[in-house]
C-alpha atoms as a PDB file:
ATOM      1  CA  UNK A   1       0.388 -31.436   6.776  1.00  0.00           C
ATOM      2  CA  UNK A   2       0.624 -35.563   5.973  1.00  0.00           C
ATOM      3  CA  UNK A   3       3.363 -37.235   4.133  1.00  0.00           C
ATOM      4  CA  UNK A   4       0.974 -37.823   1.391  1.00  0.00           C
ATOM      5  CA  UNK A   5      -1.204 -34.970   1.251  1.00  0.00           C
ATOM      6  CA  UNK A   6      -0.841 -33.439  -2.318  1.00  0.00           C
ATOM      7  CA  UNK A   7      -3.470 -30.256  -1.470  1.00  0.00           C
ATOM      8  CA  UNK A   8      -2.654 -28.370   1.670  1.00  0.00           C
ATOM      9  CA  UNK A   9      -5.655 -26.279   3.407  1.00  0.00           C
ATOM     10  CA  UNK A  10      -4.811 -23.083   5.449  1.00  0.00           C
ATOM     11  CA  UNK A  11      -7.306 -20.882   7.605  1.00  0.00           C
ATOM     12  CA  UNK A  12      -6.831 -17.234   6.398  1.00  0.00           C
ATOM     13  CA  UNK A  13      -5.709 -14.180   9.096  1.00  0.00           C
ATOM     14  CA  UNK A  14      -7.797 -11.898   6.186  1.00  0.00           C
ATOM     15  CA  UNK A  15     -11.408 -11.741   4.848  1.00  0.00           C
ATOM     16  CA  UNK A  16     -11.706 -13.336   1.234  1.00  0.00           C
ATOM     17  CA  UNK A  17     -10.726 -10.241  -0.583  1.00  0.00           C
ATOM     18  CA  UNK A  18      -8.001  -8.537   1.261  1.00  0.00           C
ATOM     19  CA  UNK A  19      -6.610 -12.796   0.865  1.00  0.00           C
ATOM     20  CA  UNK A  20      -6.569 -12.384  -2.813  1.00  0.00           C
ATOM     21  CA  UNK A  21      -5.761  -9.179  -2.503  1.00  0.00           C
ATOM     22  CA  UNK A  22      -2.571  -9.813  -0.359  1.00  0.00           C
ATOM     23  CA  UNK A  23      -1.356 -12.957  -2.479  1.00  0.00           C
ATOM     24  CA  UNK A  24      -1.914 -11.429  -5.871  1.00  0.00           C
ATOM     25  CA  UNK A  25       0.475  -8.713  -4.182  1.00  0.00           C
ATOM     26  CA  UNK A  26       2.991 -10.928  -2.485  1.00  0.00           C
ATOM     27  CA  UNK A  27       3.127 -12.979  -6.204  1.00  0.00           C
ATOM     28  CA  UNK A  28       3.731  -9.774  -8.059  1.00  0.00           C
ATOM     29  CA  UNK A  29       6.364  -8.646  -5.494  1.00  0.00           C
ATOM     30  CA  UNK A  30       8.502 -11.931  -6.156  1.00  0.00           C
ATOM     31  CA  UNK A  31       8.548 -11.603  -9.820  1.00  0.00           C
ATOM     32  CA  UNK A  32       6.029 -14.027 -10.490  1.00  0.00           C
ATOM     33  CA  UNK A  33       2.970 -13.447 -12.992  1.00  0.00           C
ATOM     34  CA  UNK A  34      -0.357 -13.708 -12.420  1.00  0.00           C
ATOM     35  CA  UNK A  35      -2.366 -14.069 -15.787  1.00  0.00           C
ATOM     36  CA  UNK A  36      -5.845 -14.822 -14.680  1.00  0.00           C
ATOM     37  CA  UNK A  37      -7.910 -14.978 -11.881  1.00  0.00           C
ATOM     38  CA  UNK A  38     -11.095 -17.614 -12.350  1.00  0.00           C
ATOM     39  CA  UNK A  39     -13.974 -15.919  -9.942  1.00  0.00           C
ATOM     40  CA  UNK A  40     -15.755 -19.432  -9.537  1.00  0.00           C
ATOM     41  CA  UNK A  41     -19.328 -17.873  -7.805  1.00  0.00           C
ATOM     42  CA  UNK A  42     -19.361 -15.377 -10.405  1.00  0.00           C
ATOM     43  CA  UNK A  43     -19.177 -18.397 -13.027  1.00  0.00           C
ATOM     44  CA  UNK A  44     -21.090 -20.742 -11.450  1.00  0.00           C
ATOM     45  CA  UNK A  45     -23.982 -18.030 -10.857  1.00  0.00           C
ATOM     46  CA  UNK A  46     -24.268 -17.264 -14.157  1.00  0.00           C
ATOM     47  CA  UNK A  47     -25.618 -21.062 -14.834  1.00  0.00           C
ATOM     48  CA  UNK A  48     -27.897 -20.458 -11.205  1.00  0.00           C
ATOM     49  CA  UNK A  49     -25.774 -22.165  -8.807  1.00  0.00           C
ATOM     50  CA  UNK A  50     -25.125 -20.373  -5.621  1.00  0.00           C
ATOM     51  CA  UNK A  51     -22.160 -21.110  -4.076  1.00  0.00           C
ATOM     52  CA  UNK A  52     -19.701 -19.095  -1.150  1.00  0.00           C
ATOM     53  CA  UNK A  53     -16.901 -17.288  -2.903  1.00  0.00           C
ATOM     54  CA  UNK A  54     -14.265 -19.041  -4.333  1.00  0.00           C
ATOM     55  CA  UNK A  55     -11.228 -17.504  -6.733  1.00  0.00           C
ATOM     56  CA  UNK A  56      -8.680 -19.256  -8.183  1.00  0.00           C
ATOM     57  CA  UNK A  57      -5.524 -17.401  -9.190  1.00  0.00           C
ATOM     58  CA  UNK A  58      -3.210 -18.499 -11.592  1.00  0.00           C
ATOM     59  CA  UNK A  59       0.435 -17.894 -10.979  1.00  0.00           C
ATOM     60  CA  UNK A  60       3.194 -18.125 -13.354  1.00  0.00           C
ATOM     61  CA  UNK A  61       7.239 -17.514 -13.184  1.00  0.00           C
ATOM     62  CA  UNK A  62       8.676 -17.992 -16.838  1.00  0.00           C
ATOM     63  CA  UNK A  63      11.986 -18.837 -15.260  1.00  0.00           C
ATOM     64  CA  UNK A  64      11.192 -21.976 -13.941  1.00  0.00           C
ATOM     65  CA  UNK A  65       8.224 -22.778 -16.236  1.00  0.00           C
ATOM     66  CA  UNK A  66      10.651 -22.696 -19.394  1.00  0.00           C
ATOM     67  CA  UNK A  67      13.167 -24.670 -17.400  1.00  0.00           C
ATOM     68  CA  UNK A  68      10.667 -27.361 -17.177  1.00  0.00           C
ATOM     69  CA  UNK A  69       9.576 -27.535 -20.295  1.00  0.00           C
ATOM     70  CA  UNK A  70      11.894 -27.424 -22.234  1.00  0.00           C
ATOM     71  CA  UNK A  71      12.711 -30.878 -21.097  1.00  0.00           C
ATOM     72  CA  UNK A  72      10.820 -33.915 -22.510  1.00  0.00           C
ATOM     73  CA  UNK A  73      10.387 -35.981 -19.478  1.00  0.00           C
ATOM     74  CA  UNK A  74       9.348 -32.471 -17.435  1.00  0.00           C
ATOM     75  CA  UNK A  75       7.106 -31.925 -19.984  1.00  0.00           C
ATOM     76  CA  UNK A  76       4.585 -34.184 -18.109  1.00  0.00           C
ATOM     77  CA  UNK A  77       4.072 -31.252 -15.428  1.00  0.00           C
ATOM     78  CA  UNK A  78       2.646 -28.877 -17.847  1.00  0.00           C
ATOM     79  CA  UNK A  79      -1.085 -30.135 -16.846  1.00  0.00           C
ATOM     80  CA  UNK A  80      -0.208 -28.528 -13.879  1.00  0.00           C
ATOM     81  CA  UNK A  81       0.446 -25.232 -15.426  1.00  0.00           C
ATOM     82  CA  UNK A  82      -0.344 -22.209 -14.772  1.00  0.00           C
ATOM     83  CA  UNK A  83       0.291 -22.982 -10.731  1.00  0.00           C
ATOM     84  CA  UNK A  84      -2.968 -22.463  -9.156  1.00  0.00           C
ATOM     85  CA  UNK A  85      -3.900 -21.123  -5.892  1.00  0.00           C
ATOM     86  CA  UNK A  86      -7.568 -21.164  -4.420  1.00  0.00           C
ATOM     87  CA  UNK A  87      -9.189 -18.902  -1.811  1.00  0.00           C
ATOM     88  CA  UNK A  88     -12.662 -19.889  -0.943  1.00  0.00           C
ATOM     89  CA  UNK A  89     -15.205 -19.574   1.864  1.00  0.00           C
ATOM     90  CA  UNK A  90     -16.786 -22.021   3.580  1.00  0.00           C
ATOM     91  CA  UNK A  91     -19.825 -22.252   5.718  1.00  0.00           C
ATOM     92  CA  UNK A  92     -18.260 -21.218   8.839  1.00  0.00           C
ATOM     93  CA  UNK A  93     -17.687 -17.815   7.632  1.00  0.00           C
ATOM     94  CA  UNK A  94     -13.599 -18.208   7.361  1.00  0.00           C
ATOM     95  CA  UNK A  95     -11.564 -17.596   4.449  1.00  0.00           C
ATOM     96  CA  UNK A  96      -9.237 -20.552   3.564  1.00  0.00           C
ATOM     97  CA  UNK A  97      -6.007 -20.750   0.910  1.00  0.00           C
ATOM     98  CA  UNK A  98      -5.258 -23.993  -0.656  1.00  0.00           C
END
């Protein structure tokens, strides 16, 4: 990772669907909540746009978010809540996690 890199991208060891399933299972195993999974491929298809598979997994740990939102100076971070993990395929056929 570069020192100022804000988003980290890694190649998954698994295919798209297995990657999503494993991430959700691991988040839940670690007691994170998964309030929603956005299927951007499906959403864009409704507007006539065809893209490779993309899902954005929302995760939240109320224990942490509650502590942050209790503090006035920390509330600005709410713009990035809940945390998100993106899983997508590129034209090379590989699955990536960001």
